[in-house]
């Protein structure tokens, strides 16, 4: 198994070496986020995906305010809504 993993890594080494993420744009997008939207982004950035109920419990904020912030972040293409009321950071 370890040999298969090493072979895969060697074969695909450098496959994405020329890829540079647009982190400057992401930082620019965060400059004008308010406290709640920024908290949501931090939570989603550290997780693969989070359910809306888990966000509400973790944040301890009003459900309508969280829903509004989630909608705004989705419209700005910072996060994405997934089936089953899950959200992920883009």
C-alpha atoms as a PDB file:
ATOM      1  CA  UNK A   1       0.000   0.000   0.000  1.00  0.00           C
ATOM      2  CA  UNK A   2       2.785   2.415   0.900  1.00  0.00           C
ATOM      3  CA  UNK A   3       4.515   1.659  -2.414  1.00  0.00           C
ATOM      4  CA  UNK A   4       1.300   2.434  -4.317  1.00  0.00           C
ATOM      5  CA  UNK A   5       1.020   5.756  -2.502  1.00  0.00           C
ATOM      6  CA  UNK A   6       4.638   6.654  -3.293  1.00  0.00           C
ATOM      7  CA  UNK A   7       4.118   5.745  -6.962  1.00  0.00           C
ATOM      8  CA  UNK A   8       1.014   7.929  -7.112  1.00  0.00           C
ATOM      9  CA  UNK A   9       2.800  10.850  -5.466  1.00  0.00           C
ATOM     10  CA  UNK A  10       5.781  10.573  -7.826  1.00  0.00           C
ATOM     11  CA  UNK A  11       3.560  10.296 -10.883  1.00  0.00           C
ATOM     12  CA  UNK A  12       1.464  13.338  -9.920  1.00  0.00           C
ATOM     13  CA  UNK A  13       4.236  15.394  -8.378  1.00  0.00           C
ATOM     14  CA  UNK A  14       4.187  18.871  -9.829  1.00  0.00           C
ATOM     15  CA  UNK A  15       0.799  18.390 -11.468  1.00  0.00           C
ATOM     16  CA  UNK A  16      -0.487  21.586  -9.867  1.00  0.00           C
ATOM     17  CA  UNK A  17       2.878  23.243  -9.305  1.00  0.00           C
ATOM     18  CA  UNK A  18       1.960  26.172 -11.566  1.00  0.00           C
ATOM     19  CA  UNK A  19      -1.360  26.774  -9.780  1.00  0.00           C
ATOM     20  CA  UNK A  20      -1.397  29.899  -7.633  1.00  0.00           C
ATOM     21  CA  UNK A  21      -4.655  30.561  -5.775  1.00  0.00           C
ATOM     22  CA  UNK A  22      -6.061  34.065  -5.960  1.00  0.00           C
ATOM     23  CA  UNK A  23      -5.575  34.767  -2.262  1.00  0.00           C
ATOM     24  CA  UNK A  24      -5.287  38.499  -2.866  1.00  0.00           C
ATOM     25  CA  UNK A  25      -8.861  38.535  -4.183  1.00  0.00           C
ATOM     26  CA  UNK A  26     -10.098  36.519  -1.178  1.00  0.00           C
ATOM     27  CA  UNK A  27      -8.440  38.965   1.234  1.00  0.00           C
ATOM     28  CA  UNK A  28      -9.951  41.860  -0.687  1.00  0.00           C
ATOM     29  CA  UNK A  29     -13.398  40.244  -0.414  1.00  0.00           C
ATOM     30  CA  UNK A  30     -13.013  39.983   3.372  1.00  0.00           C
ATOM     31  CA  UNK A  31     -12.123  43.657   3.840  1.00  0.00           C
ATOM     32  CA  UNK A  32     -15.733  44.804   3.907  1.00  0.00           C
ATOM     33  CA  UNK A  33     -17.296  41.886   5.814  1.00  0.00           C
ATOM     34  CA  UNK A  34     -19.088  42.685   9.036  1.00  0.00           C
ATOM     35  CA  UNK A  35     -18.477  40.734  12.251  1.00  0.00           C
ATOM     36  CA  UNK A  36     -21.070  38.009  11.692  1.00  0.00           C
ATOM     37  CA  UNK A  37     -20.138  37.371   8.053  1.00  0.00           C
ATOM     38  CA  UNK A  38     -16.483  37.224   8.997  1.00  0.00           C
ATOM     39  CA  UNK A  39     -17.209  34.721  11.796  1.00  0.00           C
ATOM     40  CA  UNK A  40     -19.114  32.538   9.335  1.00  0.00           C
ATOM     41  CA  UNK A  41     -16.216  32.637   6.856  1.00  0.00           C
ATOM     42  CA  UNK A  42     -13.708  31.694   9.545  1.00  0.00           C
ATOM     43  CA  UNK A  43     -15.843  28.731  10.618  1.00  0.00           C
ATOM     44  CA  UNK A  44     -16.364  27.545   7.040  1.00  0.00           C
ATOM     45  CA  UNK A  45     -12.732  28.039   6.092  1.00  0.00           C
ATOM     46  CA  UNK A  46     -11.692  25.573   8.805  1.00  0.00           C
ATOM     47  CA  UNK A  47     -14.310  22.938   7.940  1.00  0.00           C
ATOM     48  CA  UNK A  48     -15.163  21.116   4.724  1.00  0.00           C
ATOM     49  CA  UNK A  49     -18.854  21.878   5.125  1.00  0.00           C
ATOM     50  CA  UNK A  50     -21.162  22.895   7.969  1.00  0.00           C
ATOM     51  CA  UNK A  51     -24.891  22.463   8.449  1.00  0.00           C
ATOM     52  CA  UNK A  52     -26.923  25.643   8.999  1.00  0.00           C
ATOM     53  CA  UNK A  53     -28.100  24.409  12.428  1.00  0.00           C
ATOM     54  CA  UNK A  54     -24.499  23.830  13.519  1.00  0.00           C
ATOM     55  CA  UNK A  55     -23.629  27.370  12.427  1.00  0.00           C
ATOM     56  CA  UNK A  56     -26.512  28.737  14.477  1.00  0.00           C
ATOM     57  CA  UNK A  57     -25.476  26.766  17.562  1.00  0.00           C
ATOM     58  CA  UNK A  58     -21.810  27.679  17.217  1.00  0.00           C
ATOM     59  CA  UNK A  59     -22.379  31.370  16.564  1.00  0.00           C
ATOM     60  CA  UNK A  60     -25.156  31.861  19.123  1.00  0.00           C
ATOM     61  CA  UNK A  61     -26.642  34.637  16.978  1.00  0.00           C
ATOM     62  CA  UNK A  62     -30.211  35.383  15.879  1.00  0.00           C
ATOM     63  CA  UNK A  63     -31.389  32.955  13.177  1.00  0.00           C
ATOM     64  CA  UNK A  64     -32.611  35.732  10.878  1.00  0.00           C
ATOM     65  CA  UNK A  65     -29.284  37.571  11.085  1.00  0.00           C
ATOM     66  CA  UNK A  66     -27.353  34.380  10.310  1.00  0.00           C
ATOM     67  CA  UNK A  67     -29.691  33.570   7.394  1.00  0.00           C
ATOM     68  CA  UNK A  68     -29.190  37.076   6.008  1.00  0.00           C
ATOM     69  CA  UNK A  69     -25.413  36.841   6.326  1.00  0.00           C
ATOM     70  CA  UNK A  70     -25.398  33.403   4.654  1.00  0.00           C
ATOM     71  CA  UNK A  71     -27.500  34.721   1.774  1.00  0.00           C
ATOM     72  CA  UNK A  72     -25.205  37.713   1.302  1.00  0.00           C
ATOM     73  CA  UNK A  73     -22.089  35.524   1.334  1.00  0.00           C
ATOM     74  CA  UNK A  74     -23.659  33.173  -1.225  1.00  0.00           C
ATOM     75  CA  UNK A  75     -24.566  36.090  -3.486  1.00  0.00           C
ATOM     76  CA  UNK A  76     -20.976  37.354  -3.294  1.00  0.00           C
ATOM     77  CA  UNK A  77     -19.660  33.861  -4.191  1.00  0.00           C
ATOM     78  CA  UNK A  78     -17.662  33.582  -0.990  1.00  0.00           C
ATOM     79  CA  UNK A  79     -19.591  30.543   0.222  1.00  0.00           C
ATOM     80  CA  UNK A  80     -21.851  28.027  -1.469  1.00  0.00           C
ATOM     81  CA  UNK A  81     -25.097  26.479  -0.272  1.00  0.00           C
ATOM     82  CA  UNK A  82     -25.160  22.705  -0.673  1.00  0.00           C
ATOM     83  CA  UNK A  83     -28.131  20.333  -0.576  1.00  0.00           C
ATOM     84  CA  UNK A  84     -29.488  19.640   2.907  1.00  0.00           C
ATOM     85  CA  UNK A  85     -28.789  23.147   4.268  1.00  0.00           C
ATOM     86  CA  UNK A  86     -25.014  22.654   4.288  1.00  0.00           C
ATOM     87  CA  UNK A  87     -22.594  25.431   3.403  1.00  0.00           C
ATOM     88  CA  UNK A  88     -19.006  25.382   2.208  1.00  0.00           C
ATOM     89  CA  UNK A  89     -16.304  28.011   1.758  1.00  0.00           C
ATOM     90  CA  UNK A  90     -15.284  28.603  -1.855  1.00  0.00           C
END
